């Protein structure tokens, strides 16, 4: 797997819902096929972001 990312966001230390909100903001500026790397320490972020991606166009 390639380690190339088009955008990277470090939300370490931020709690829900901030990691998801920052991810949504970044995704809204990205083109289809681009990759986002999100660094998060909030355990809920991993679930929230996966669910968001499943129900959205991302």
N, C-alpha and C. Protein backbone atom coordinates (compact mmCIF):
# COMPACT_ATOMS: atom_id res chain seq x y z
N UNK A 1 0.84 -1.19 0.00
CA UNK A 1 0.00 0.00 0.00
C UNK A 1 0.88 1.24 0.00
N UNK A 2 0.53 2.19 -0.78
CA UNK A 2 1.28 3.44 -0.88
C UNK A 2 1.04 4.29 0.36
N UNK A 3 2.07 5.04 0.74
CA UNK A 3 1.91 5.93 1.90
C UNK A 3 1.67 7.37 1.45
N UNK A 4 1.26 7.56 0.19
CA UNK A 4 1.00 8.90 -0.35
C UNK A 4 -0.39 9.37 0.08
N UNK A 5 -0.42 10.53 0.66
CA UNK A 5 -1.69 11.16 1.03
C UNK A 5 -1.71 12.56 0.45
N UNK A 6 -2.87 12.98 -0.02
CA UNK A 6 -3.00 14.32 -0.59
C UNK A 6 -3.19 15.37 0.49
N UNK A 7 -3.82 14.97 1.59
CA UNK A 7 -4.08 15.87 2.72
C UNK A 7 -3.86 15.10 4.00
N UNK A 8 -3.29 15.76 5.00
CA UNK A 8 -3.10 15.14 6.30
C UNK A 8 -3.60 16.10 7.38
N UNK A 9 -4.35 15.55 8.31
CA UNK A 9 -4.87 16.34 9.43
C UNK A 9 -4.49 15.63 10.72
N UNK A 10 -3.92 16.36 11.65
CA UNK A 10 -3.58 15.82 12.96
C UNK A 10 -4.57 16.37 13.98
N UNK A 11 -5.47 15.52 14.44
CA UNK A 11 -6.46 15.95 15.43
C UNK A 11 -6.15 15.35 16.80
N UNK A 12 -4.91 14.97 17.01
CA UNK A 12 -4.50 14.40 18.29
C UNK A 12 -4.90 15.34 19.43
N UNK A 13 -5.49 14.77 20.46
CA UNK A 13 -5.89 15.55 21.62
C UNK A 13 -7.27 16.17 21.51
N UNK A 14 -7.88 16.13 20.33
CA UNK A 14 -9.22 16.68 20.17
C UNK A 14 -10.25 15.60 20.41
N UNK A 15 -11.36 15.98 21.01
CA UNK A 15 -12.44 15.03 21.30
C UNK A 15 -13.58 15.21 20.33
N UNK A 16 -14.44 14.20 20.29
CA UNK A 16 -15.63 14.19 19.45
C UNK A 16 -16.44 15.46 19.73
N UNK A 17 -16.91 16.11 18.72
CA UNK A 17 -16.98 15.76 17.30
C UNK A 17 -15.89 16.44 16.45
N UNK A 18 -14.91 17.06 17.06
CA UNK A 18 -13.93 17.84 16.29
C UNK A 18 -13.16 17.04 15.24
N UNK A 19 -12.68 15.83 15.51
CA UNK A 19 -11.99 15.10 14.44
C UNK A 19 -12.88 14.87 13.21
N UNK A 20 -14.13 14.51 13.45
CA UNK A 20 -15.05 14.31 12.33
C UNK A 20 -15.32 15.61 11.59
N UNK A 21 -15.53 16.69 12.30
CA UNK A 21 -15.79 17.97 11.65
C UNK A 21 -14.59 18.42 10.81
N UNK A 22 -13.39 18.24 11.32
CA UNK A 22 -12.20 18.61 10.56
C UNK A 22 -12.02 17.71 9.33
N UNK A 23 -12.36 16.43 9.48
CA UNK A 23 -12.29 15.51 8.34
C UNK A 23 -13.31 15.91 7.27
N UNK A 24 -14.53 16.22 7.69
CA UNK A 24 -15.57 16.63 6.74
C UNK A 24 -15.16 17.89 5.99
N UNK A 25 -14.56 18.84 6.70
CA UNK A 25 -14.12 20.08 6.06
C UNK A 25 -13.04 19.80 5.03
N UNK A 26 -12.08 18.95 5.39
CA UNK A 26 -11.00 18.62 4.45
C UNK A 26 -11.55 17.86 3.24
N UNK A 27 -12.43 16.90 3.48
CA UNK A 27 -12.99 16.12 2.38
C UNK A 27 -13.78 16.98 1.40
N UNK A 28 -14.40 18.02 1.91
CA UNK A 28 -15.20 18.89 1.03
C UNK A 28 -14.34 19.67 0.04
N UNK A 29 -13.05 19.76 0.31
CA UNK A 29 -12.15 20.50 -0.60
C UNK A 29 -11.35 19.57 -1.51
N UNK A 30 -11.52 18.26 -1.32
CA UNK A 30 -10.70 17.30 -2.05
C UNK A 30 -11.43 16.77 -3.28
N UNK A 31 -10.65 16.33 -4.25
CA UNK A 31 -11.17 15.75 -5.48
C UNK A 31 -11.41 14.25 -5.28
N UNK A 32 -12.26 13.67 -6.10
CA UNK A 32 -12.48 12.22 -6.08
C UNK A 32 -11.16 11.51 -6.35
N UNK A 33 -10.89 10.48 -5.56
CA UNK A 33 -9.66 9.71 -5.73
C UNK A 33 -8.50 10.18 -4.86
N UNK A 34 -8.62 11.35 -4.29
CA UNK A 34 -7.56 11.82 -3.40
C UNK A 34 -7.69 11.12 -2.05
N UNK A 35 -6.57 11.08 -1.32
CA UNK A 35 -6.52 10.35 -0.06
C UNK A 35 -6.27 11.30 1.11
N UNK A 36 -7.02 11.08 2.18
CA UNK A 36 -6.91 11.87 3.40
C UNK A 36 -6.31 10.99 4.49
N UNK A 37 -5.31 11.51 5.16
CA UNK A 37 -4.77 10.84 6.35
C UNK A 37 -5.20 11.65 7.55
N UNK A 38 -5.90 10.98 8.47
CA UNK A 38 -6.38 11.63 9.68
C UNK A 38 -5.72 10.95 10.87
N UNK A 39 -5.05 11.72 11.68
CA UNK A 39 -4.43 11.22 12.90
C UNK A 39 -5.33 11.66 14.05
N UNK A 40 -5.79 10.68 14.84
CA UNK A 40 -6.72 10.99 15.92
C UNK A 40 -6.41 10.14 17.14
N UNK A 41 -6.62 10.71 18.31
CA UNK A 41 -6.47 9.97 19.55
C UNK A 41 -7.82 9.65 20.19
N UNK A 42 -8.86 10.30 19.72
CA UNK A 42 -10.21 10.04 20.23
C UNK A 42 -10.71 8.74 19.61
N UNK A 43 -10.96 7.74 20.44
CA UNK A 43 -11.37 6.42 19.94
C UNK A 43 -12.67 6.48 19.16
N UNK A 44 -13.57 7.35 19.53
CA UNK A 44 -14.84 7.46 18.83
C UNK A 44 -14.67 7.98 17.41
N UNK A 45 -13.60 8.69 17.14
CA UNK A 45 -13.37 9.26 15.81
C UNK A 45 -13.30 8.17 14.75
N UNK A 46 -12.69 7.05 15.08
CA UNK A 46 -12.54 5.98 14.10
C UNK A 46 -13.89 5.42 13.69
N UNK A 47 -14.80 5.29 14.63
CA UNK A 47 -16.15 4.81 14.32
C UNK A 47 -16.93 5.90 13.59
N UNK A 48 -16.90 7.12 14.11
CA UNK A 48 -17.66 8.22 13.52
C UNK A 48 -17.28 8.46 12.06
N UNK A 49 -16.00 8.45 11.78
CA UNK A 49 -15.53 8.75 10.42
C UNK A 49 -15.87 7.62 9.47
N UNK A 50 -15.75 6.38 9.91
CA UNK A 50 -16.14 5.25 9.06
C UNK A 50 -17.63 5.33 8.71
N UNK A 51 -18.45 5.60 9.70
CA UNK A 51 -19.89 5.70 9.47
C UNK A 51 -20.19 6.86 8.53
N UNK A 52 -19.55 8.00 8.77
CA UNK A 52 -19.76 9.16 7.90
C UNK A 52 -19.42 8.83 6.44
N UNK A 53 -18.30 8.17 6.24
CA UNK A 53 -17.89 7.82 4.87
C UNK A 53 -18.85 6.83 4.21
N UNK A 54 -19.42 5.94 4.99
CA UNK A 54 -20.38 4.99 4.45
C UNK A 54 -21.69 5.66 4.03
N UNK A 55 -22.12 6.68 4.77
CA UNK A 55 -23.42 7.31 4.46
C UNK A 55 -23.29 8.54 3.57
N UNK A 56 -22.06 8.94 3.29
CA UNK A 56 -21.86 10.12 2.43
C UNK A 56 -21.30 9.66 1.09
N UNK A 57 -20.91 10.61 0.29
CA UNK A 57 -20.37 10.29 -1.04
C UNK A 57 -18.86 10.06 -1.00
N UNK A 58 -18.27 9.97 0.16
CA UNK A 58 -16.81 9.85 0.28
C UNK A 58 -16.40 8.42 0.43
